[in-house]
Amino acid sequence: MPTANVNIVAVLVAALVTFILGAFWYSPLLFARQWMQAQGYTPEKLEQMKKRGAARAYVISALCYFVMAYVMALFVSYVNSTSVVQGLWLGFLSVGDRRRLPVRLSPDHGGGALGVALSR
């Protein structure tokens, strides 16, 4: 089994870009309203959720993004991906989201997933 050469700085940057991209994608500037409707949330419900511990959820998300970026870096190193096309294909394959989303939510969530794949 070949040894993996993982650039930790690149992993941190990929995790940070993914976090920022997700925050922008689901912000009121883009798809926050559609996401809230599809999930059945009201503004009052969101305020309650924020009071219960939004900081904890953000920290857990950031850690998950770091783990995803690190695993992706290991995989890219293992398969010896060297071109942009190979990287895009691996990113596309890695974005498979297995959650059952409402049909109304799938297009904007899929667009966010495409952005995440491109950030890696």
PDB file of N, CA and C in Angstrom:
ATOM      1  N   MET A   1       0.845  -1.178   0.000  1.00  0.00           N
ATOM      2  CA  MET A   1       0.000   0.000   0.000  1.00  0.00           C
ATOM      3  C   MET A   1       0.890   1.241   0.000  1.00  0.00           C
ATOM      4  N   PRO A   2       0.651   2.155  -0.931  1.00  0.00           N
ATOM      5  CA  PRO A   2       1.512   3.341  -0.989  1.00  0.00           C
ATOM      6  C   PRO A   2       1.270   4.280   0.193  1.00  0.00           C
ATOM      7  N   THR A   3       2.305   5.035   0.517  1.00  0.00           N
ATOM      8  CA  THR A   3       2.153   6.007   1.587  1.00  0.00           C
ATOM      9  C   THR A   3       1.446   7.245   1.042  1.00  0.00           C
ATOM     10  N   ALA A   4       0.664   7.852   1.883  1.00  0.00           N
ATOM     11  CA  ALA A   4      -0.095   9.032   1.481  1.00  0.00           C
ATOM     12  C   ALA A   4       0.672  10.289   1.846  1.00  0.00           C
ATOM     13  N   ASN A   5       0.729  11.196   0.910  1.00  0.00           N
ATOM     14  CA  ASN A   5       1.316  12.510   1.157  1.00  0.00           C
ATOM     15  C   ASN A   5       0.170  13.501   1.247  1.00  0.00           C
ATOM     16  N   VAL A   6      -0.165  13.880   2.466  1.00  0.00           N
ATOM     17  CA  VAL A   6      -1.292  14.777   2.678  1.00  0.00           C
ATOM     18  C   VAL A   6      -0.762  16.123   3.151  1.00  0.00           C
ATOM     19  N   ASN A   7      -1.164  17.163   2.446  1.00  0.00           N
ATOM     20  CA  ASN A   7      -0.804  18.525   2.806  1.00  0.00           C
ATOM     21  C   ASN A   7      -1.862  19.038   3.784  1.00  0.00           C
ATOM     22  N   ILE A   8      -1.496  19.134   5.054  1.00  0.00           N
ATOM     23  CA  ILE A   8      -2.443  19.522   6.096  1.00  0.00           C
ATOM     24  C   ILE A   8      -2.954  20.946   5.877  1.00  0.00           C
ATOM     25  N   VAL A   9      -2.118  21.834   5.376  1.00  0.00           N
ATOM     26  CA  VAL A   9      -2.569  23.203   5.105  1.00  0.00           C
ATOM     27  C   VAL A   9      -3.663  23.188   4.040  1.00  0.00           C
ATOM     28  N   ALA A  10      -3.473  22.380   2.995  1.00  0.00           N
ATOM     29  CA  ALA A  10      -4.495  22.273   1.953  1.00  0.00           C
ATOM     30  C   ALA A  10      -5.787  21.677   2.513  1.00  0.00           C
ATOM     31  N   VAL A  11      -5.669  20.727   3.419  1.00  0.00           N
ATOM     32  CA  VAL A  11      -6.846  20.127   4.049  1.00  0.00           C
ATOM     33  C   VAL A  11      -7.587  21.179   4.873  1.00  0.00           C
ATOM     34  N   LEU A  12      -6.850  21.968   5.652  1.00  0.00           N
ATOM     35  CA  LEU A  12      -7.480  23.027   6.437  1.00  0.00           C
ATOM     36  C   LEU A  12      -8.168  24.058   5.550  1.00  0.00           C
ATOM     37  N   VAL A  13      -7.510  24.442   4.453  1.00  0.00           N
ATOM     38  CA  VAL A  13      -8.109  25.406   3.523  1.00  0.00           C
ATOM     39  C   VAL A  13      -9.369  24.826   2.891  1.00  0.00           C
ATOM     40  N   ALA A  14      -9.327  23.558   2.480  1.00  0.00           N
ATOM     41  CA  ALA A  14     -10.509  22.926   1.883  1.00  0.00           C
ATOM     42  C   ALA A  14     -11.661  22.874   2.879  1.00  0.00           C
ATOM     43  N   ALA A  15     -11.368  22.553   4.133  1.00  0.00           N
ATOM     44  CA  ALA A  15     -12.423  22.509   5.154  1.00  0.00           C
ATOM     45  C   ALA A  15     -12.998  23.901   5.390  1.00  0.00           C
ATOM     46  N   LEU A  16     -12.153  24.905   5.446  1.00  0.00           N
ATOM     47  CA  LEU A  16     -12.611  26.276   5.654  1.00  0.00           C
ATOM     48  C   LEU A  16     -13.442  26.768   4.473  1.00  0.00           C
ATOM     49  N   VAL A  17     -12.996  26.492   3.259  1.00  0.00           N
ATOM     50  CA  VAL A  17     -13.752  26.900   2.069  1.00  0.00           C
ATOM     51  C   VAL A  17     -15.113  26.213   2.044  1.00  0.00           C
ATOM     52  N   THR A  18     -15.156  24.941   2.396  1.00  0.00           N
ATOM     53  CA  THR A  18     -16.422  24.218   2.438  1.00  0.00           C
ATOM     54  C   THR A  18     -17.364  24.830   3.467  1.00  0.00           C
ATOM     55  N   PHE A  19     -16.845  25.184   4.632  1.00  0.00           N
ATOM     56  CA  PHE A  19     -17.648  25.790   5.686  1.00  0.00           C
ATOM     57  C   PHE A  19     -18.212  27.135   5.223  1.00  0.00           C
ATOM     58  N   ILE A  20     -17.358  27.964   4.637  1.00  0.00           N
ATOM     59  CA  ILE A  20     -17.779  29.287   4.167  1.00  0.00           C
ATOM     60  C   ILE A  20     -18.773  29.161   3.019  1.00  0.00           C
ATOM     61  N   LEU A  21     -18.507  28.253   2.102  1.00  0.00           N
ATOM     62  CA  LEU A  21     -19.410  28.046   0.970  1.00  0.00           C
ATOM     63  C   LEU A  21     -20.791  27.605   1.448  1.00  0.00           C
ATOM     64  N   GLY A  22     -20.844  26.701   2.415  1.00  0.00           N
ATOM     65  CA  GLY A  22     -22.117  26.257   2.964  1.00  0.00           C
ATOM     66  C   GLY A  22     -22.854  27.380   3.678  1.00  0.00           C
ATOM     67  N   ALA A  23     -22.127  28.206   4.411  1.00  0.00           N
ATOM     68  CA  ALA A  23     -22.751  29.339   5.101  1.00  0.00           C
ATOM     69  C   ALA A  23     -23.347  30.318   4.097  1.00  0.00           C
ATOM     70  N   PHE A  24     -22.639  30.564   3.020  1.00  0.00           N
ATOM     71  CA  PHE A  24     -23.141  31.478   1.991  1.00  0.00           C
ATOM     72  C   PHE A  24     -24.313  30.853   1.242  1.00  0.00           C
ATOM     73  N   TRP A  25     -24.215  29.563   0.915  1.00  0.00           N
ATOM     74  CA  TRP A  25     -25.245  28.882   0.131  1.00  0.00           C
ATOM     75  C   TRP A  25     -26.593  28.874   0.851  1.00  0.00           C
ATOM     76  N   TYR A  26     -26.562  28.635   2.156  1.00  0.00           N
ATOM     77  CA  TYR A  26     -27.796  28.577   2.932  1.00  0.00           C
ATOM     78  C   TYR A  26     -28.073  29.889   3.669  1.00  0.00           C
ATOM     79  N   SER A  27     -27.493  30.967   3.213  1.00  0.00           N
ATOM     80  CA  SER A  27     -27.740  32.279   3.811  1.00  0.00           C
ATOM     81  C   SER A  27     -28.991  32.902   3.198  1.00  0.00           C
ATOM     82  N   PRO A  28     -29.497  33.965   3.817  1.00  0.00           N
ATOM     83  CA  PRO A  28     -30.661  34.647   3.248  1.00  0.00           C
ATOM     84  C   PRO A  28     -30.393  35.212   1.844  1.00  0.00           C
ATOM     85  N   LEU A  29     -29.138  35.395   1.486  1.00  0.00           N
ATOM     86  CA  LEU A  29     -28.819  35.882   0.143  1.00  0.00           C
ATOM     87  C   LEU A  29     -29.168  34.864  -0.939  1.00  0.00           C
ATOM     88  N   LEU A  30     -29.128  33.578  -0.608  1.00  0.00           N
ATOM     89  CA  LEU A  30     -29.398  32.564  -1.631  1.00  0.00           C
ATOM     90  C   LEU A  30     -30.610  31.704  -1.284  1.00  0.00           C
ATOM     91  N   PHE A  31     -30.446  30.639  -0.503  1.00  0.00           N
ATOM     92  CA  PHE A  31     -31.497  29.643  -0.367  1.00  0.00           C
ATOM     93  C   PHE A  31     -32.017  29.413   1.048  1.00  0.00           C
ATOM     94  N   ALA A  32     -31.826  30.347   1.951  1.00  0.00           N
ATOM     95  CA  ALA A  32     -32.296  30.145   3.330  1.00  0.00           C
ATOM     96  C   ALA A  32     -33.816  29.997   3.381  1.00  0.00           C
ATOM     97  N   ARG A  33     -34.535  30.836   2.661  1.00  0.00           N
ATOM     98  CA  ARG A  33     -36.003  30.791   2.694  1.00  0.00           C
ATOM     99  C   ARG A  33     -36.529  29.464   2.152  1.00  0.00           C
ATOM    100  N   GLN A  34     -35.981  29.010   1.017  1.00  0.00           N
ATOM    101  CA  GLN A  34     -36.414  27.740   0.431  1.00  0.00           C
ATOM    102  C   GLN A  34     -36.084  26.573   1.364  1.00  0.00           C
ATOM    103  N   TRP A  35     -34.908  26.622   1.986  1.00  0.00           N
ATOM    104  CA  TRP A  35     -34.502  25.557   2.902  1.00  0.00           C
ATOM    105  C   TRP A  35     -35.444  25.510   4.103  1.00  0.00           C
ATOM    106  N   MET A  36     -35.763  26.689   4.656  1.00  0.00           N
ATOM    107  CA  MET A  36     -36.662  26.744   5.815  1.00  0.00           C
ATOM    108  C   MET A  36     -38.035  26.182   5.456  1.00  0.00           C
ATOM    109  N   GLN A  37     -38.565  26.551   4.291  1.00  0.00           N
ATOM    110  CA  GLN A  37     -39.872  26.039   3.874  1.00  0.00           C
ATOM    111  C   GLN A  37     -39.849  24.532   3.686  1.00  0.00           C
ATOM    112  N   ALA A  38     -38.820  24.036   3.024  1.00  0.00           N
ATOM    113  CA  ALA A  38     -38.737  22.598   2.755  1.00  0.00           C
ATOM    114  C   ALA A  38     -38.584  21.787   4.045  1.00  0.00           C
ATOM    115  N   GLN A  39     -37.910  22.347   5.050  1.00  0.00           N
ATOM    116  CA  GLN A  39     -37.728  21.652   6.326  1.00  0.00           C
ATOM    117  C   GLN A  39     -38.895  21.872   7.274  1.00  0.00           C
ATOM    118  N   GLY A  40     -39.777  22.824   6.937  1.00  0.00           N
ATOM    119  CA  GLY A  40     -40.914  23.112   7.797  1.00  0.00           C
ATOM    120  C   GLY A  40     -40.554  23.972   9.000  1.00  0.00           C
ATOM    121  N   TYR A  41     -39.496  24.762   8.899  1.00  0.00           N
ATOM    122  CA  TYR A  41     -39.070  25.624  10.002  1.00  0.00           C
ATOM    123  C   TYR A  41     -39.697  27.009   9.867  1.00  0.00           C
ATOM    124  N   THR A  42     -39.980  27.603  11.017  1.00  0.00           N
ATOM    125  CA  THR A  42     -40.421  28.988  11.073  1.00  0.00           C
ATOM    126  C   THR A  42     -39.265  29.813  11.638  1.00  0.00           C
ATOM    127  N   PRO A  43     -39.298  31.132  11.445  1.00  0.00           N
ATOM    128  CA  PRO A  43     -38.224  31.959  12.037  1.00  0.00           C
ATOM    129  C   PRO A  43     -38.138  31.793  13.559  1.00  0.00           C
ATOM    130  N   GLU A  44     -39.288  31.595  14.203  1.00  0.00           N
ATOM    131  CA  GLU A  44     -39.285  31.404  15.657  1.00  0.00           C
ATOM    132  C   GLU A  44     -38.594  30.094  16.042  1.00  0.00           C
ATOM    133  N   LYS A  45     -38.859  29.053  15.273  1.00  0.00           N
ATOM    134  CA  LYS A  45     -38.228  27.751  15.520  1.00  0.00           C
ATOM    135  C   LYS A  45     -36.709  27.857  15.348  1.00  0.00           C
ATOM    136  N   LEU A  46     -36.266  28.594  14.339  1.00  0.00           N
ATOM    137  CA  LEU A  46     -34.820  28.783  14.135  1.00  0.00           C
ATOM    138  C   LEU A  46     -34.187  29.531  15.302  1.00  0.00           C
ATOM    139  N   GLU A  47     -34.878  30.532  15.832  1.00  0.00           N
ATOM    140  CA  GLU A  47     -34.351  31.269  16.985  1.00  0.00           C
ATOM    141  C   GLU A  47     -34.214  30.353  18.196  1.00  0.00           C
ATOM    142  N   GLN A  48     -35.192  29.475  18.398  1.00  0.00           N
ATOM    143  CA  GLN A  48     -35.105  28.508  19.492  1.00  0.00           C
ATOM    144  C   GLN A  48     -33.902  27.584  19.309  1.00  0.00           C
ATOM    145  N   MET A  49     -33.695  27.137  18.086  1.00  0.00           N
ATOM    146  CA  MET A  49     -32.568  26.245  17.800  1.00  0.00           C
ATOM    147  C   MET A  49     -31.242  26.953  18.045  1.00  0.00           C
ATOM    148  N   LYS A  50     -31.157  28.231  17.670  1.00  0.00           N
ATOM    149  CA  LYS A  50     -29.927  28.999  17.894  1.00  0.00           C
ATOM    150  C   LYS A  50     -29.631  29.143  19.379  1.00  0.00           C
ATOM    151  N   LYS A  51     -30.671  29.370  20.177  1.00  0.00           N
ATOM    152  CA  LYS A  51     -30.482  29.541  21.618  1.00  0.00           C
ATOM    153  C   LYS A  51     -30.016  28.257  22.288  1.00  0.00           C
ATOM    154  N   ARG A  52     -30.390  27.108  21.719  1.00  0.00           N
ATOM    155  CA  ARG A  52     -30.025  25.820  22.325  1.00  0.00           C
ATOM    156  C   ARG A  52     -28.577  25.427  22.067  1.00  0.00           C
ATOM    157  N   GLY A  53     -27.905  26.099  21.190  1.00  0.00           N
ATOM    158  CA  GLY A  53     -26.510  25.742  20.983  1.00  0.00           C
ATOM    159  C   GLY A  53     -26.069  25.708  19.535  1.00  0.00           C
ATOM    160  N   ALA A  54     -26.158  26.828  18.864  1.00  0.00           N
ATOM    161  CA  ALA A  54     -25.722  26.894  17.480  1.00  0.00           C
ATOM    162  C   ALA A  54     -24.195  26.777  17.381  1.00  0.00           C
ATOM    163  N   ALA A  55     -23.485  27.308  18.367  1.00  0.00           N
ATOM    164  CA  ALA A  55     -22.020  27.265  18.333  1.00  0.00           C
ATOM    165  C   ALA A  55     -21.528  25.821  18.316  1.00  0.00           C
ATOM    166  N   ARG A  56     -22.150  24.979  19.092  1.00  0.00           N
ATOM    167  CA  ARG A  56     -21.759  23.567  19.131  1.00  0.00           C
ATOM    168  C   ARG A  56     -21.962  22.912  17.759  1.00  0.00           C
ATOM    169  N   ALA A  57     -23.080  23.215  17.124  1.00  0.00           N
ATOM    170  CA  ALA A  57     -23.363  22.650  15.799  1.00  0.00           C
ATOM    171  C   ALA A  57     -22.334  23.130  14.768  1.00  0.00           C
ATOM    172  N   TYR A  58     -21.934  24.400  14.851  1.00  0.00           N
ATOM    173  CA  TYR A  58     -20.936  24.921  13.920  1.00  0.00           C
ATOM    174  C   TYR A  58     -19.581  24.259  14.128  1.00  0.00           C
ATOM    175  N   VAL A  59     -19.193  24.043  15.377  1.00  0.00           N
ATOM    176  CA  VAL A  59     -17.914  23.391  15.673  1.00  0.00           C
ATOM    177  C   VAL A  59     -17.921  21.950  15.159  1.00  0.00           C
ATOM    178  N   ILE A  60     -19.019  21.244  15.398  1.00  0.00           N
ATOM    179  CA  ILE A  60     -19.116  19.860  14.910  1.00  0.00           C
ATOM    180  C   ILE A  60     -19.073  19.824  13.388  1.00  0.00           C
ATOM    181  N   SER A  61     -19.765  20.765  12.740  1.00  0.00           N
ATOM    182  CA  SER A  61     -19.733  20.834  11.272  1.00  0.00           C
ATOM    183  C   SER A  61     -18.314  21.084  10.770  1.00  0.00           C
ATOM    184  N   ALA A  62     -17.619  22.022  11.389  1.00  0.00           N
ATOM    185  CA  ALA A  62     -16.248  22.330  10.972  1.00  0.00           C
ATOM    186  C   ALA A  62     -15.339  21.108  11.127  1.00  0.00           C
ATOM    187  N   LEU A  63     -15.495  20.382  12.233  1.00  0.00           N
ATOM    188  CA  LEU A  63     -14.696  19.166  12.425  1.00  0.00           C
ATOM    189  C   LEU A  63     -15.037  18.106  11.369  1.00  0.00           C
ATOM    190  N   CYS A  64     -16.304  17.978  11.058  1.00  0.00           N
ATOM    191  CA  CYS A  64     -16.708  17.014  10.014  1.00  0.00           C
ATOM    192  C   CYS A  64     -16.137  17.406   8.660  1.00  0.00           C
ATOM    193  N   TYR A  65     -16.141  18.700   8.344  1.00  0.00           N
ATOM    194  CA  TYR A  65     -15.560  19.155   7.077  1.00  0.00           C
ATOM    195  C   TYR A  65     -14.059  18.856   7.034  1.00  0.00           C
ATOM    196  N   PHE A  66     -13.383  19.031   8.169  1.00  0.00           N
ATOM    197  CA  PHE A  66     -11.957  18.721   8.217  1.00  0.00           C
ATOM    198  C   PHE A  66     -11.725  17.230   7.964  1.00  0.00           C
ATOM    199  N   VAL A  67     -12.510  16.378   8.617  1.00  0.00           N
ATOM    200  CA  VAL A  67     -12.364  14.924   8.424  1.00  0.00           C
ATOM    201  C   VAL A  67     -12.648  14.555   6.974  1.00  0.00           C
ATOM    202  N   MET A  68     -13.712  15.137   6.387  1.00  0.00           N
ATOM    203  CA  MET A  68     -14.024  14.848   4.980  1.00  0.00           C
ATOM    204  C   MET A  68     -12.883  15.271   4.065  1.00  0.00           C
ATOM    205  N   ALA A  69     -12.327  16.455   4.293  1.00  0.00           N
ATOM    206  CA  ALA A  69     -11.235  16.934   3.453  1.00  0.00           C
ATOM    207  C   ALA A  69      -9.998  16.053   3.619  1.00  0.00           C
ATOM    208  N   TYR A  70      -9.724  15.625   4.846  1.00  0.00           N
ATOM    209  CA  TYR A  70      -8.560  14.770   5.090  1.00  0.00           C
ATOM    210  C   TYR A  70      -8.721  13.406   4.409  1.00  0.00           C
ATOM    211  N   VAL A  71      -9.901  12.815   4.546  1.00  0.00           N
ATOM    212  CA  VAL A  71     -10.151  11.514   3.905  1.00  0.00           C
ATOM    213  C   VAL A  71     -10.065  11.654   2.388  1.00  0.00           C
ATOM    214  N   MET A  72     -10.607  12.755   1.866  1.00  0.00           N
ATOM    215  CA  MET A  72     -10.535  12.984   0.420  1.00  0.00           C
ATOM    216  C   MET A  72      -9.073  13.133  -0.018  1.00  0.00           C
ATOM    217  N   ALA A  73      -8.270  13.827   0.778  1.00  0.00           N
ATOM    218  CA  ALA A  73      -6.844  13.978   0.451  1.00  0.00           C
ATOM    219  C   ALA A  73      -6.133  12.626   0.475  1.00  0.00           C
ATOM    220  N   LEU A  74      -6.466  11.794   1.451  1.00  0.00           N
ATOM    221  CA  LEU A  74      -5.893  10.448   1.491  1.00  0.00           C
ATOM    222  C   LEU A  74      -6.280   9.649   0.251  1.00  0.00           C
ATOM    223  N   PHE A  75      -7.550   9.742  -0.115  1.00  0.00           N
ATOM    224  CA  PHE A  75      -8.037   9.001  -1.281  1.00  0.00           C
ATOM    225  C   PHE A  75      -7.374   9.496  -2.561  1.00  0.00           C
ATOM    226  N   VAL A  76      -7.270  10.806  -2.728  1.00  0.00           N
ATOM    227  CA  VAL A  76      -6.628  11.374  -3.917  1.00  0.00           C
ATOM    228  C   VAL A  76      -5.166  10.944  -3.980  1.00  0.00           C
ATOM    229  N   SER A  77      -4.499  10.941  -2.842  1.00  0.00           N
ATOM    230  CA  SER A  77      -3.101  10.503  -2.802  1.00  0.00           C
ATOM    231  C   SER A  77      -2.986   9.020  -3.130  1.00  0.00           C
ATOM    232  N   TYR A  78      -3.905   8.230  -2.598  1.00  0.00           N
ATOM    233  CA  TYR A  78      -3.861   6.783  -2.821  1.00  0.00           C
ATOM    234  C   TYR A  78      -4.073   6.405  -4.287  1.00  0.00           C
ATOM    235  N   VAL A  79      -5.028   7.079  -4.957  1.00  0.00           N
ATOM    236  CA  VAL A  79      -5.303   6.749  -6.362  1.00  0.00           C
ATOM    237  C   VAL A  79      -4.387   7.512  -7.310  1.00  0.00           C
ATOM    238  N   ASN A  80      -3.526   8.364  -6.758  1.00  0.00           N
ATOM    239  CA  ASN A  80      -2.536   9.109  -7.531  1.00  0.00           C
ATOM    240  C   ASN A  80      -3.198  10.002  -8.574  1.00  0.00           C
ATOM    241  N   SER A  81      -4.201  10.728  -8.152  1.00  0.00           N
ATOM    242  CA  SER A  81      -4.896  11.672  -9.024  1.00  0.00           C
ATOM    243  C   SER A  81      -3.990  12.876  -9.249  1.00  0.00           C
ATOM    244  N   THR A  82      -3.724  13.173 -10.519  1.00  0.00           N
ATOM    245  CA  THR A  82      -2.783  14.259 -10.815  1.00  0.00           C
ATOM    246  C   THR A  82      -3.362  15.361 -11.690  1.00  0.00           C
ATOM    247  N   SER A  83      -4.523  15.143 -12.300  1.00  0.00           N
ATOM    248  CA  SER A  83      -5.070  16.174 -13.182  1.00  0.00           C
ATOM    249  C   SER A  83      -6.327  16.783 -12.589  1.00  0.00           C
ATOM    250  N   VAL A  84      -6.693  17.935 -13.108  1.00  0.00           N
ATOM    251  CA  VAL A  84      -7.901  18.615 -12.655  1.00  0.00           C
ATOM    252  C   VAL A  84      -9.128  17.761 -12.969  1.00  0.00           C
ATOM    253  N   VAL A  85      -9.158  17.140 -14.118  1.00  0.00           N
ATOM    254  CA  VAL A  85     -10.294  16.311 -14.507  1.00  0.00           C
ATOM    255  C   VAL A  85     -10.447  15.131 -13.541  1.00  0.00           C
ATOM    256  N   GLN A  86      -9.346  14.485 -13.202  1.00  0.00           N
ATOM    257  CA  GLN A  86      -9.414  13.383 -12.240  1.00  0.00           C
ATOM    258  C   GLN A  86      -9.894  13.883 -10.877  1.00  0.00           C
ATOM    259  N   GLY A  87      -9.423  15.041 -10.460  1.00  0.00           N
ATOM    260  CA  GLY A  87      -9.846  15.605  -9.186  1.00  0.00           C
ATOM    261  C   GLY A  87     -11.328  15.948  -9.175  1.00  0.00           C
ATOM    262  N   LEU A  88     -11.816  16.530 -10.264  1.00  0.00           N
ATOM    263  CA  LEU A  88     -13.241  16.846 -10.357  1.00  0.00           C
ATOM    264  C   LEU A  88     -14.085  15.582 -10.343  1.00  0.00           C
ATOM    265  N   TRP A  89     -13.619  14.544 -11.033  1.00  0.00           N
ATOM    266  CA  TRP A  89     -14.368  13.287 -11.052  1.00  0.00           C
ATOM    267  C   TRP A  89     -14.412  12.667  -9.652  1.00  0.00           C
ATOM    268  N   LEU A  90     -13.297  12.667  -8.946  1.00  0.00           N
ATOM    269  CA  LEU A  90     -13.291  12.133  -7.579  1.00  0.00           C
ATOM    270  C   LEU A  90     -14.170  12.973  -6.660  1.00  0.00           C
ATOM    271  N   GLY A  91     -14.146  14.289  -6.837  1.00  0.00           N
ATOM    272  CA  GLY A  91     -15.016  15.160  -6.047  1.00  0.00           C
ATOM    273  C   GLY A  91     -16.477  14.883  -6.328  1.00  0.00           C
ATOM    274  N   PHE A  92     -16.808  14.680  -7.588  1.00  0.00           N
ATOM    275  CA  PHE A  92     -18.187  14.367  -7.971  1.00  0.00           C
ATOM    276  C   PHE A  92     -18.635  13.053  -7.348  1.00  0.00           C
ATOM    277  N   LEU A  93     -17.771  12.051  -7.380  1.00  0.00           N
ATOM    278  CA  LEU A  93     -18.121  10.757  -6.805  1.00  0.00           C
ATOM    279  C   LEU A  93     -18.266  10.815  -5.288  1.00  0.00           C
ATOM    280  N   SER A  94     -17.526  11.707  -4.652  1.00  0.00           N
ATOM    281  CA  SER A  94     -17.531  11.757  -3.188  1.00  0.00           C
ATOM    282  C   SER A  94     -18.711  12.520  -2.607  1.00  0.00           C
ATOM    283  N   VAL A  95     -19.475  13.209  -3.423  1.00  0.00           N
ATOM    284  CA  VAL A  95     -20.534  14.065  -2.907  1.00  0.00           C
ATOM    285  C   VAL A  95     -21.838  13.317  -2.710  1.00  0.00           C
ATOM    286  N   GLY A  96     -21.892  12.054  -3.040  1.00  0.00           N
ATOM    287  CA  GLY A  96     -23.143  11.304  -2.920  1.00  0.00           C
ATOM    288  C   GLY A  96     -23.777  11.478  -1.560  1.00  0.00           C
ATOM    289  N   ASP A  97     -24.904  12.145  -1.519  1.00  0.00           N
ATOM    290  CA  ASP A  97     -25.611  12.411  -0.271  1.00  0.00           C
ATOM    291  C   ASP A  97     -26.734  11.393  -0.147  1.00  0.00           C
ATOM    292  N   ARG A  98     -26.715  10.599   0.890  1.00  0.00           N
ATOM    293  CA  ARG A  98     -27.665   9.494   1.030  1.00  0.00           C
ATOM    294  C   ARG A  98     -28.914   9.864   1.832  1.00  0.00           C
ATOM    295  N   ARG A  99     -29.038  11.130   2.216  1.00  0.00           N
ATOM    296  CA  ARG A  99     -30.227  11.526   2.973  1.00  0.00           C
ATOM    297  C   ARG A  99     -31.434  11.578   2.058  1.00  0.00           C
ATOM    298  N   ARG A 100     -32.596  11.363   2.633  1.00  0.00           N
ATOM    299  CA  ARG A 100     -33.844  11.497   1.872  1.00  0.00           C
ATOM    300  C   ARG A 100     -34.322  12.937   2.033  1.00  0.00           C
ATOM    301  N   LEU A 101     -34.087  13.730   0.989  1.00  0.00           N
ATOM    302  CA  LEU A 101     -34.476  15.130   1.026  1.00  0.00           C
ATOM    303  C   LEU A 101     -35.799  15.329   0.309  1.00  0.00           C
ATOM    304  N   PRO A 102     -36.589  16.313   0.743  1.00  0.00           N
ATOM    305  CA  PRO A 102     -37.781  16.634  -0.029  1.00  0.00           C
ATOM    306  C   PRO A 102     -37.384  17.059  -1.439  1.00  0.00           C
ATOM    307  N   VAL A 103     -38.228  16.770  -2.407  1.00  0.00           N
ATOM    308  CA  VAL A 103     -37.918  17.092  -3.802  1.00  0.00           C
ATOM    309  C   VAL A 103     -37.643  18.579  -3.968  1.00  0.00           C
ATOM    310  N   ARG A 104     -38.381  19.429  -3.246  1.00  0.00           N
ATOM    311  CA  ARG A 104     -38.178  20.878  -3.360  1.00  0.00           C
ATOM    312  C   ARG A 104     -36.797  21.294  -2.885  1.00  0.00           C
ATOM    313  N   LEU A 105     -36.195  20.529  -1.986  1.00  0.00           N
ATOM    314  CA  LEU A 105     -34.906  20.900  -1.406  1.00  0.00           C
ATOM    315  C   LEU A 105     -33.740  20.350  -2.205  1.00  0.00           C
ATOM    316  N   SER A 106     -33.949  19.346  -3.011  1.00  0.00           N
ATOM    317  CA  SER A 106     -32.853  18.692  -3.722  1.00  0.00           C
ATOM    318  C   SER A 106     -32.056  19.608  -4.639  1.00  0.00           C
ATOM    319  N   PRO A 107     -32.678  20.477  -5.457  1.00  0.00           N
ATOM    320  CA  PRO A 107     -31.865  21.305  -6.357  1.00  0.00           C
ATOM    321  C   PRO A 107     -30.915  22.249  -5.637  1.00  0.00           C
ATOM    322  N   ASP A 108     -31.379  22.949  -4.587  1.00  0.00           N
ATOM    323  CA  ASP A 108     -30.462  23.870  -3.928  1.00  0.00           C
ATOM    324  C   ASP A 108     -29.442  23.123  -3.083  1.00  0.00           C
ATOM    325  N   HIS A 109     -29.795  21.980  -2.522  1.00  0.00           N
ATOM    326  CA  HIS A 109     -28.819  21.192  -1.773  1.00  0.00           C
ATOM    327  C   HIS A 109     -27.783  20.593  -2.726  1.00  0.00           C
ATOM    328  N   GLY A 110     -28.242  20.142  -3.885  1.00  0.00           N
ATOM    329  CA  GLY A 110     -27.318  19.589  -4.885  1.00  0.00           C
ATOM    330  C   GLY A 110     -26.347  20.615  -5.391  1.00  0.00           C
ATOM    331  N   GLY A 111     -26.811  21.842  -5.552  1.00  0.00           N
ATOM    332  CA  GLY A 111     -25.899  22.923  -5.975  1.00  0.00           C
ATOM    333  C   GLY A 111     -24.834  23.180  -4.932  1.00  0.00           C
ATOM    334  N   GLY A 112     -25.226  23.137  -3.664  1.00  0.00           N
ATOM    335  CA  GLY A 112     -24.246  23.289  -2.592  1.00  0.00           C
ATOM    336  C   GLY A 112     -23.253  22.158  -2.577  1.00  0.00           C
ATOM    337  N   ALA A 113     -23.730  20.940  -2.849  1.00  0.00           N
ATOM    338  CA  ALA A 113     -22.840  19.783  -2.901  1.00  0.00           C
ATOM    339  C   ALA A 113     -21.856  19.913  -4.054  1.00  0.00           C
ATOM    340  N   LEU A 114     -22.319  20.454  -5.187  1.00  0.00           N
ATOM    341  CA  LEU A 114     -21.404  20.665  -6.320  1.00  0.00           C
ATOM    342  C   LEU A 114     -20.325  21.670  -5.939  1.00  0.00           C
ATOM    343  N   GLY A 115     -20.703  22.713  -5.238  1.00  0.00           N
ATOM    344  CA  GLY A 115     -19.717  23.685  -4.787  1.00  0.00           C
ATOM    345  C   GLY A 115     -18.700  23.078  -3.847  1.00  0.00           C
ATOM    346  N   VAL A 116     -19.160  22.201  -2.960  1.00  0.00           N
ATOM    347  CA  VAL A 116     -18.251  21.515  -2.040  1.00  0.00           C
ATOM    348  C   VAL A 116     -17.271  20.650  -2.831  1.00  0.00           C
ATOM    349  N   ALA A 117     -17.760  19.925  -3.834  1.00  0.00           N
ATOM    350  CA  ALA A 117     -16.884  19.076  -4.646  1.00  0.00           C
ATOM    351  C   ALA A 117     -15.838  19.907  -5.359  1.00  0.00           C
ATOM    352  N   LEU A 118     -16.230  21.061  -5.856  1.00  0.00           N
ATOM    353  CA  LEU A 118     -15.283  21.907  -6.570  1.00  0.00           C
ATOM    354  C   LEU A 118     -14.281  22.553  -5.635  1.00  0.00           C
ATOM    355  N   SER A 119     -14.633  22.724  -4.357  1.00  0.00           N
ATOM    356  CA  SER A 119     -13.696  23.340  -3.420  1.00  0.00           C
ATOM    357  C   SER A 119     -12.578  22.383  -3.006  1.00  0.00           C
ATOM    358  N   ARG A 120     -12.788  21.101  -3.239  1.00  0.00           N
ATOM    359  CA  ARG A 120     -11.772  20.118  -2.870  1.00  0.00           C
ATOM    360  C   ARG A 120     -10.807  20.025  -3.986  1.00  0.00           C
TER     361      ARG A 120
END
